[in-house]
Protein backbone atom coordinates (compact mmCIF):
# COMPACT_ATOMS: atom_id res chain seq x y z
CA UNK A 1 -11.70 -4.59 -6.17
CA UNK A 2 -10.59 -6.15 -9.45
CA UNK A 3 -7.02 -6.55 -8.21
CA UNK A 4 -8.20 -8.00 -4.91
CA UNK A 5 -10.34 -10.60 -6.68
CA UNK A 6 -7.44 -11.55 -8.92
CA UNK A 7 -5.15 -12.04 -5.93
CA UNK A 8 -7.84 -13.92 -4.01
CA UNK A 9 -8.38 -16.21 -6.99
CA UNK A 10 -4.70 -17.16 -6.91
CA UNK A 11 -4.89 -17.86 -3.17
CA UNK A 12 -8.16 -19.75 -3.59
CA UNK A 13 -6.32 -22.44 -5.48
CA UNK A 14 -4.81 -23.57 -2.19
CA UNK A 15 -6.85 -25.79 0.11
CA UNK A 16 -6.33 -23.66 3.20
CA UNK A 17 -8.03 -20.69 1.54
CA UNK A 18 -10.91 -22.87 0.43
CA UNK A 19 -11.32 -24.11 3.97
CA UNK A 20 -11.34 -20.54 5.26
CA UNK A 21 -13.93 -19.58 2.64
CA UNK A 22 -16.15 -22.52 3.53
CA UNK A 23 -15.99 -21.70 7.26
CA UNK A 24 -16.89 -18.08 6.57
CA UNK A 25 -19.65 -19.18 4.22
CA UNK A 26 -21.09 -21.60 6.76
CA UNK A 27 -21.09 -18.94 9.50
CA UNK A 28 -22.91 -16.53 7.20
CA UNK A 29 -25.48 -19.18 6.25
CA UNK A 30 -26.08 -20.01 9.91
CA UNK A 31 -26.59 -16.33 10.73
CA UNK A 32 -28.99 -15.78 7.83
CA UNK A 33 -31.06 -18.93 8.18
CA UNK A 34 -31.01 -19.42 11.94
CA UNK A 35 -30.77 -23.20 11.57
CA UNK A 36 -28.90 -25.49 13.96
CA UNK A 37 -25.10 -25.72 13.73
CA UNK A 38 -25.24 -29.35 12.66
CA UNK A 39 -27.15 -28.48 9.46
CA UNK A 40 -24.98 -29.36 6.43
CA UNK A 41 -23.73 -26.43 4.37
CA UNK A 42 -25.12 -28.00 1.20
CA UNK A 43 -28.60 -28.05 2.74
CA UNK A 44 -28.33 -24.36 3.63
CA UNK A 45 -27.20 -23.58 0.09
CA UNK A 46 -30.30 -25.30 -1.25
CA UNK A 47 -32.51 -23.40 1.19
CA UNK A 48 -30.95 -20.08 0.14
CA UNK A 49 -30.55 -20.96 -3.53
CA UNK A 50 -26.84 -20.07 -3.54
CA UNK A 51 -23.88 -21.76 -5.25
CA UNK A 52 -20.57 -22.50 -3.54
CA UNK A 53 -18.70 -19.33 -2.62
CA UNK A 54 -15.46 -20.37 -4.32
CA UNK A 55 -17.38 -21.09 -7.55
CA UNK A 56 -18.98 -17.64 -7.49
CA UNK A 57 -15.60 -16.02 -6.77
CA UNK A 58 -13.87 -17.87 -9.61
CA UNK A 59 -16.61 -16.91 -12.08
CA UNK A 60 -16.40 -13.25 -11.01
CA UNK A 61 -12.62 -13.22 -11.37
CA UNK A 62 -12.78 -14.76 -14.83
CA UNK A 63 -15.37 -12.20 -15.93
CA UNK A 64 -13.25 -9.32 -14.59
CA UNK A 65 -10.09 -10.62 -16.24
CA UNK A 66 -11.91 -10.99 -19.59
CA UNK A 67 -13.16 -7.43 -19.27
CA UNK A 68 -9.66 -6.15 -18.53
CA UNK A 69 -8.21 -8.09 -21.46
CA UNK A 70 -10.88 -6.71 -23.81
CA UNK A 71 -10.12 -3.17 -22.62
CA UNK A 72 -6.37 -3.84 -23.01
CA UNK A 73 -5.78 -3.07 -19.33
CA UNK A 74 -4.56 -6.51 -18.27
CA UNK A 75 -0.81 -6.82 -17.77
CA UNK A 76 0.70 -10.27 -17.43
């Protein structure tokens, strides 16, 4: 999973990946909340108390990379 997150982080820097993440995120929010399709994603995030998916992913990747560096397992 660590390697996958690292690769995803690199892809996330491109707009197309962010758009794909936001579409997936919006579909998940719609399924969980049951609100109408025209409800803004930001409003659903407030309802659910969740941050943006790409922000959570980036934070997780940075934490994993720091852990790998501290354990001397990170190869550049």
